[in-house]
Amino acid sequence: MSYPPTDPAVAAAASVLAGKHEAARYNEYGACTASGYRIDEGRDGMARVMHVVPNVDLFDPERPSDDELAEERQEMVLVYADTLEAAGWTVIRRGPRSRKPYLLGAQP
């Protein structure tokens, strides 16, 4: 997500989600350092919301599996959808259900 958000739908979605959820954090190189939501411009004035996680250390024997990461992404996208719907937004769930789910949200 660009700071400050320039797309009105992105800014509006960020204001709804920021009250209840943590945004993903990134380092100076653009790599995700902390899990959270990410909002990009969608299509037709909608916001595209996804859950991102930091890259895993492939040498860490305790690292989460791909399935565990996919489950976290799916679960959190559903939570974000619930938050937006409670605020009156129209939500369309998209993306593969198992690996990279996301949603498109339109303001009320």
N, C-alpha and C. Protein backbone atom coordinates (compact mmCIF):
# COMPACT_ATOMS: atom_id res chain seq x y z
N MET A 1 0.85 -1.17 0.00
CA MET A 1 0.00 0.00 0.00
C MET A 1 0.89 1.22 0.00
N SER A 2 0.59 2.17 -0.87
CA SER A 2 1.38 3.39 -0.90
C SER A 2 0.95 4.31 0.23
N TYR A 3 1.89 5.08 0.73
CA TYR A 3 1.58 6.01 1.82
C TYR A 3 1.89 7.41 1.37
N PRO A 4 0.97 8.37 1.50
CA PRO A 4 -0.43 8.13 1.83
C PRO A 4 -1.15 7.53 0.63
N PRO A 5 -2.24 6.80 0.89
CA PRO A 5 -2.97 6.19 -0.22
C PRO A 5 -3.54 7.28 -1.13
N THR A 6 -3.37 7.11 -2.44
CA THR A 6 -3.87 8.09 -3.39
C THR A 6 -5.22 7.71 -3.96
N ASP A 7 -5.54 6.45 -3.99
CA ASP A 7 -6.83 6.00 -4.50
C ASP A 7 -7.87 6.14 -3.40
N PRO A 8 -9.01 6.79 -3.68
CA PRO A 8 -10.03 6.98 -2.64
C PRO A 8 -10.55 5.68 -2.03
N ALA A 9 -10.71 4.64 -2.85
CA ALA A 9 -11.19 3.36 -2.32
C ALA A 9 -10.16 2.74 -1.39
N VAL A 10 -8.89 2.87 -1.72
CA VAL A 10 -7.83 2.33 -0.88
C VAL A 10 -7.80 3.08 0.46
N ALA A 11 -7.88 4.40 0.40
CA ALA A 11 -7.87 5.20 1.63
C ALA A 11 -9.08 4.88 2.50
N ALA A 12 -10.24 4.72 1.90
CA ALA A 12 -11.45 4.42 2.66
C ALA A 12 -11.36 3.03 3.30
N ALA A 13 -10.87 2.04 2.55
CA ALA A 13 -10.73 0.69 3.10
C ALA A 13 -9.71 0.68 4.23
N ALA A 14 -8.63 1.43 4.05
CA ALA A 14 -7.61 1.50 5.11
C ALA A 14 -8.19 2.10 6.37
N SER A 15 -9.04 3.11 6.25
CA SER A 15 -9.62 3.73 7.45
C SER A 15 -10.55 2.76 8.18
N VAL A 16 -11.23 1.89 7.45
CA VAL A 16 -12.10 0.90 8.08
C VAL A 16 -11.27 -0.19 8.75
N LEU A 17 -10.30 -0.74 8.04
CA LEU A 17 -9.52 -1.86 8.56
C LEU A 17 -8.55 -1.45 9.67
N ALA A 18 -8.02 -0.25 9.60
CA ALA A 18 -7.00 0.19 10.57
C ALA A 18 -7.52 0.19 12.00
N GLY A 19 -8.80 0.37 12.18
CA GLY A 19 -9.36 0.39 13.53
C GLY A 19 -9.37 -0.96 14.22
N LYS A 20 -9.31 -2.05 13.44
CA LYS A 20 -9.43 -3.38 14.04
C LYS A 20 -8.30 -4.34 13.70
N HIS A 21 -7.50 -4.00 12.71
CA HIS A 21 -6.48 -4.94 12.23
C HIS A 21 -5.15 -4.23 12.03
N GLU A 22 -4.10 -5.02 11.97
CA GLU A 22 -2.75 -4.51 11.74
C GLU A 22 -2.44 -4.55 10.24
N ALA A 23 -1.87 -3.48 9.75
CA ALA A 23 -1.39 -3.46 8.38
C ALA A 23 -0.05 -4.19 8.31
N ALA A 24 0.22 -4.78 7.16
CA ALA A 24 1.53 -5.41 6.96
C ALA A 24 2.60 -4.33 7.04
N ARG A 25 3.77 -4.71 7.52
CA ARG A 25 4.89 -3.77 7.59
C ARG A 25 5.98 -4.25 6.63
N TYR A 26 6.68 -3.27 6.08
CA TYR A 26 7.70 -3.55 5.07
C TYR A 26 9.00 -2.85 5.44
N ASN A 27 10.12 -3.44 5.00
CA ASN A 27 11.41 -2.78 5.23
C ASN A 27 11.71 -1.84 4.07
N GLU A 28 12.86 -1.22 4.12
CA GLU A 28 13.22 -0.23 3.10
C GLU A 28 13.39 -0.83 1.71
N TYR A 29 13.48 -2.15 1.63
CA TYR A 29 13.61 -2.83 0.34
C TYR A 29 12.28 -3.34 -0.19
N GLY A 30 11.22 -3.14 0.57
CA GLY A 30 9.90 -3.57 0.14
C GLY A 30 9.53 -4.98 0.55
N ALA A 31 10.36 -5.63 1.36
CA ALA A 31 10.06 -6.98 1.83
C ALA A 31 9.16 -6.90 3.07
N CYS A 32 8.16 -7.75 3.12
CA CYS A 32 7.25 -7.80 4.26
C CYS A 32 8.02 -8.27 5.50
N THR A 33 7.88 -7.51 6.60
CA THR A 33 8.56 -7.88 7.84
C THR A 33 7.58 -8.27 8.94
N ALA A 34 6.29 -7.95 8.77
CA ALA A 34 5.28 -8.33 9.75
C ALA A 34 3.95 -8.56 9.03
N SER A 35 3.28 -9.66 9.36
CA SER A 35 2.02 -10.02 8.73
C SER A 35 0.95 -8.96 8.93
N GLY A 36 0.06 -8.86 7.97
CA GLY A 36 -1.06 -7.94 8.08
C GLY A 36 -1.75 -7.75 6.75
N TYR A 37 -2.72 -6.82 6.75
CA TYR A 37 -3.44 -6.58 5.50
C TYR A 37 -2.64 -5.67 4.59
N ARG A 38 -2.91 -5.83 3.32
CA ARG A 38 -2.36 -4.95 2.28
C ARG A 38 -3.52 -4.56 1.39
N ILE A 39 -3.59 -3.29 1.04
CA ILE A 39 -4.67 -2.80 0.19
C ILE A 39 -4.07 -2.16 -1.05
N ASP A 40 -4.53 -2.58 -2.20
CA ASP A 40 -4.11 -2.01 -3.47
C ASP A 40 -5.35 -1.55 -4.23
N GLU A 41 -5.12 -0.81 -5.31
CA GLU A 41 -6.23 -0.45 -6.17
C GLU A 41 -6.78 -1.71 -6.81
N GLY A 42 -8.08 -1.84 -6.77
CA GLY A 42 -8.73 -2.98 -7.42
C GLY A 42 -9.14 -2.59 -8.81
N ARG A 43 -10.37 -2.89 -9.14
CA ARG A 43 -10.89 -2.50 -10.44
C ARG A 43 -12.20 -1.76 -10.24
N ASP A 44 -12.53 -0.91 -11.13
CA ASP A 44 -13.80 -0.19 -11.10
C ASP A 44 -14.04 0.52 -9.77
N GLY A 45 -13.01 1.16 -9.22
CA GLY A 45 -13.18 1.91 -7.98
C GLY A 45 -13.25 1.07 -6.73
N MET A 46 -12.84 -0.18 -6.82
CA MET A 46 -12.86 -1.07 -5.66
C MET A 46 -11.46 -1.17 -5.06
N ALA A 47 -11.40 -1.53 -3.80
CA ALA A 47 -10.13 -1.77 -3.13
C ALA A 47 -9.85 -3.26 -3.14
N ARG A 48 -8.61 -3.64 -3.38
CA ARG A 48 -8.19 -5.04 -3.37
C ARG A 48 -7.46 -5.29 -2.06
N VAL A 49 -8.00 -6.17 -1.22
CA VAL A 49 -7.46 -6.42 0.10
C VAL A 49 -6.96 -7.86 0.17
N MET A 50 -5.74 -8.01 0.68
CA MET A 50 -5.17 -9.34 0.84
C MET A 50 -4.42 -9.39 2.17
N HIS A 51 -4.03 -10.57 2.57
CA HIS A 51 -3.22 -10.75 3.78
C HIS A 51 -1.86 -11.21 3.33
N VAL A 52 -0.82 -10.51 3.78
CA VAL A 52 0.54 -10.89 3.40
C VAL A 52 1.32 -11.32 4.64
N VAL A 53 2.26 -12.21 4.41
CA VAL A 53 3.11 -12.71 5.49
C VAL A 53 4.57 -12.58 5.04
N PRO A 54 5.49 -12.45 5.99
CA PRO A 54 6.91 -12.38 5.62
C PRO A 54 7.36 -13.68 4.96
N ASN A 55 8.41 -13.56 4.15
CA ASN A 55 9.00 -14.76 3.57
C ASN A 55 9.52 -15.65 4.69
N VAL A 56 9.42 -16.94 4.49
CA VAL A 56 9.90 -17.87 5.50
C VAL A 56 11.38 -18.14 5.30
N ASP A 57 12.04 -18.46 6.39
CA ASP A 57 13.44 -18.86 6.34
C ASP A 57 13.47 -20.35 6.00
N LEU A 58 13.91 -20.67 4.83
CA LEU A 58 13.88 -22.06 4.38
C LEU A 58 14.81 -22.98 5.18
N PHE A 59 15.71 -22.39 5.95
CA PHE A 59 16.62 -23.20 6.77
C PHE A 59 16.07 -23.41 8.18
N ASP A 60 14.95 -22.79 8.50
CA ASP A 60 14.35 -22.92 9.83
C ASP A 60 13.51 -24.20 9.88
N PRO A 61 13.90 -25.17 10.70
CA PRO A 61 13.12 -26.41 10.77
C PRO A 61 11.73 -26.21 11.38
N GLU A 62 11.53 -25.10 12.07
CA GLU A 62 10.23 -24.82 12.69
C GLU A 62 9.35 -23.90 11.83
N ARG A 63 9.74 -23.67 10.60
CA ARG A 63 8.99 -22.76 9.74
C ARG A 63 7.59 -23.32 9.45
N PRO A 64 6.62 -22.41 9.23
CA PRO A 64 5.27 -22.89 8.90
C PRO A 64 5.26 -23.52 7.50
N SER A 65 4.38 -24.48 7.33
CA SER A 65 4.25 -25.13 6.02
C SER A 65 3.47 -24.22 5.06
N ASP A 66 3.54 -24.54 3.79
CA ASP A 66 2.77 -23.79 2.80
C ASP A 66 1.28 -23.84 3.12
N ASP A 67 0.82 -25.00 3.56
CA ASP A 67 -0.60 -25.14 3.90
C ASP A 67 -0.98 -24.27 5.09
N GLU A 68 -0.10 -24.18 6.08
CA GLU A 68 -0.38 -23.32 7.24
C GLU A 68 -0.42 -21.85 6.84
N LEU A 69 0.48 -21.44 5.98
CA LEU A 69 0.48 -20.06 5.50
C LEU A 69 -0.77 -19.76 4.68
N ALA A 70 -1.16 -20.69 3.83
CA ALA A 70 -2.37 -20.52 3.03
C ALA A 70 -3.60 -20.43 3.92
N GLU A 71 -3.64 -21.24 4.97
CA GLU A 71 -4.76 -21.21 5.91
C GLU A 71 -4.83 -19.86 6.62
N GLU A 72 -3.68 -19.33 7.02
CA GLU A 72 -3.65 -18.01 7.67
C GLU A 72 -4.17 -16.94 6.72
N ARG A 73 -3.71 -16.97 5.47
CA ARG A 73 -4.16 -15.97 4.49
C ARG A 73 -5.68 -16.05 4.31
N GLN A 74 -6.19 -17.26 4.13
CA GLN A 74 -7.63 -17.43 3.90
C GLN A 74 -8.43 -16.95 5.11
N GLU A 75 -8.00 -17.35 6.29
CA GLU A 75 -8.71 -16.96 7.52
C GLU A 75 -8.75 -15.45 7.68
N MET A 76 -7.62 -14.80 7.45
CA MET A 76 -7.55 -13.36 7.66
C MET A 76 -8.33 -12.59 6.59
N VAL A 77 -8.33 -13.07 5.35
CA VAL A 77 -9.12 -12.41 4.31
C VAL A 77 -10.61 -12.47 4.68
N LEU A 78 -11.04 -13.58 5.24
CA LEU A 78 -12.44 -13.69 5.68
C LEU A 78 -12.73 -12.72 6.82
N VAL A 79 -11.78 -12.55 7.74
CA VAL A 79 -11.94 -11.60 8.84
C VAL A 79 -12.03 -10.17 8.30
N TYR A 80 -11.16 -9.83 7.34
CA TYR A 80 -11.21 -8.49 6.73
C TYR A 80 -12.55 -8.28 6.02
N ALA A 81 -13.04 -9.32 5.35
CA ALA A 81 -14.33 -9.22 4.67
C ALA A 81 -15.44 -8.93 5.68
N ASP A 82 -15.43 -9.62 6.80
CA ASP A 82 -16.43 -9.39 7.84
C ASP A 82 -16.39 -7.94 8.35
N THR A 83 -15.18 -7.42 8.54
CA THR A 83 -15.02 -6.05 9.03
C THR A 83 -15.58 -5.05 8.02
N LEU A 84 -15.25 -5.24 6.75
CA LEU A 84 -15.75 -4.33 5.72
C LEU A 84 -17.27 -4.43 5.56
N GLU A 85 -17.79 -5.65 5.58
CA GLU A 85 -19.24 -5.83 5.47
C GLU A 85 -19.97 -5.19 6.65
N ALA A 86 -19.41 -5.29 7.84
CA ALA A 86 -20.02 -4.66 9.02
C ALA A 86 -20.05 -3.14 8.88
N ALA A 87 -19.14 -2.59 8.09
CA ALA A 87 -19.10 -1.14 7.86
C ALA A 87 -19.96 -0.75 6.65
N GLY A 88 -20.69 -1.71 6.08
CA GLY A 88 -21.59 -1.42 4.98
C GLY A 88 -21.01 -1.60 3.60
N TRP A 89 -19.81 -2.10 3.50
CA TRP A 89 -19.16 -2.31 2.21
C TRP A 89 -19.73 -3.53 1.50
N THR A 90 -19.65 -3.53 0.17
CA THR A 90 -19.96 -4.70 -0.64
C THR A 90 -18.63 -5.42 -0.87
N VAL A 91 -18.60 -6.71 -0.58
CA VAL A 91 -17.37 -7.49 -0.66
C VAL A 91 -17.54 -8.64 -1.65
N ILE A 92 -16.57 -8.76 -2.54
CA ILE A 92 -16.52 -9.87 -3.49
C ILE A 92 -15.25 -10.64 -3.22
N ARG A 93 -15.38 -11.90 -2.87
CA ARG A 93 -14.22 -12.73 -2.57
C ARG A 93 -13.65 -13.29 -3.87
N ARG A 94 -12.33 -13.20 -4.02
CA ARG A 94 -11.67 -13.62 -5.25
C ARG A 94 -10.41 -14.41 -4.91
N GLY A 95 -9.78 -14.89 -5.96
CA GLY A 95 -8.50 -15.56 -5.81
C GLY A 95 -8.67 -17.03 -5.48
N PRO A 96 -7.62 -17.78 -5.70
CA PRO A 96 -7.66 -19.20 -5.34
C PRO A 96 -7.93 -19.33 -3.84
N ARG A 97 -8.80 -20.18 -3.49
CA ARG A 97 -9.18 -20.33 -2.09
C ARG A 97 -8.04 -20.86 -1.23
N SER A 98 -7.12 -21.60 -1.83
CA SER A 98 -6.11 -22.25 -1.00
C SER A 98 -4.81 -21.46 -0.86
N ARG A 99 -4.41 -20.69 -1.84
CA ARG A 99 -3.07 -20.10 -1.79
C ARG A 99 -3.05 -18.58 -1.65
N LYS A 100 -3.68 -17.84 -2.52
CA LYS A 100 -3.58 -16.38 -2.52
C LYS A 100 -4.97 -15.73 -2.58
N PRO A 101 -5.77 -15.92 -1.56
CA PRO A 101 -7.10 -15.32 -1.60
C PRO A 101 -7.02 -13.81 -1.44
N TYR A 102 -8.00 -13.11 -1.98
CA TYR A 102 -8.11 -11.68 -1.76
C TYR A 102 -9.58 -11.31 -1.92
N LEU A 103 -9.89 -10.09 -1.61
CA LEU A 103 -11.26 -9.62 -1.79
C LEU A 103 -11.25 -8.27 -2.45
N LEU A 104 -12.35 -7.97 -3.10
CA LEU A 104 -12.58 -6.64 -3.67
C LEU A 104 -13.68 -6.01 -2.85
N GLY A 105 -13.46 -4.79 -2.41
CA GLY A 105 -14.44 -4.10 -1.58
C GLY A 105 -14.87 -2.79 -2.21
N ALA A 106 -16.19 -2.55 -2.20
CA ALA A 106 -16.75 -1.30 -2.71
C ALA A 106 -17.41 -0.55 -1.56
N GLN A 107 -17.18 0.75 -1.50
CA GLN A 107 -17.74 1.58 -0.44
C GLN A 107 -19.26 1.59 -0.52
N PRO A 108 -19.90 1.79 0.64
CA PRO A 108 -21.37 1.88 0.63
C PRO A 108 -21.84 3.11 -0.11
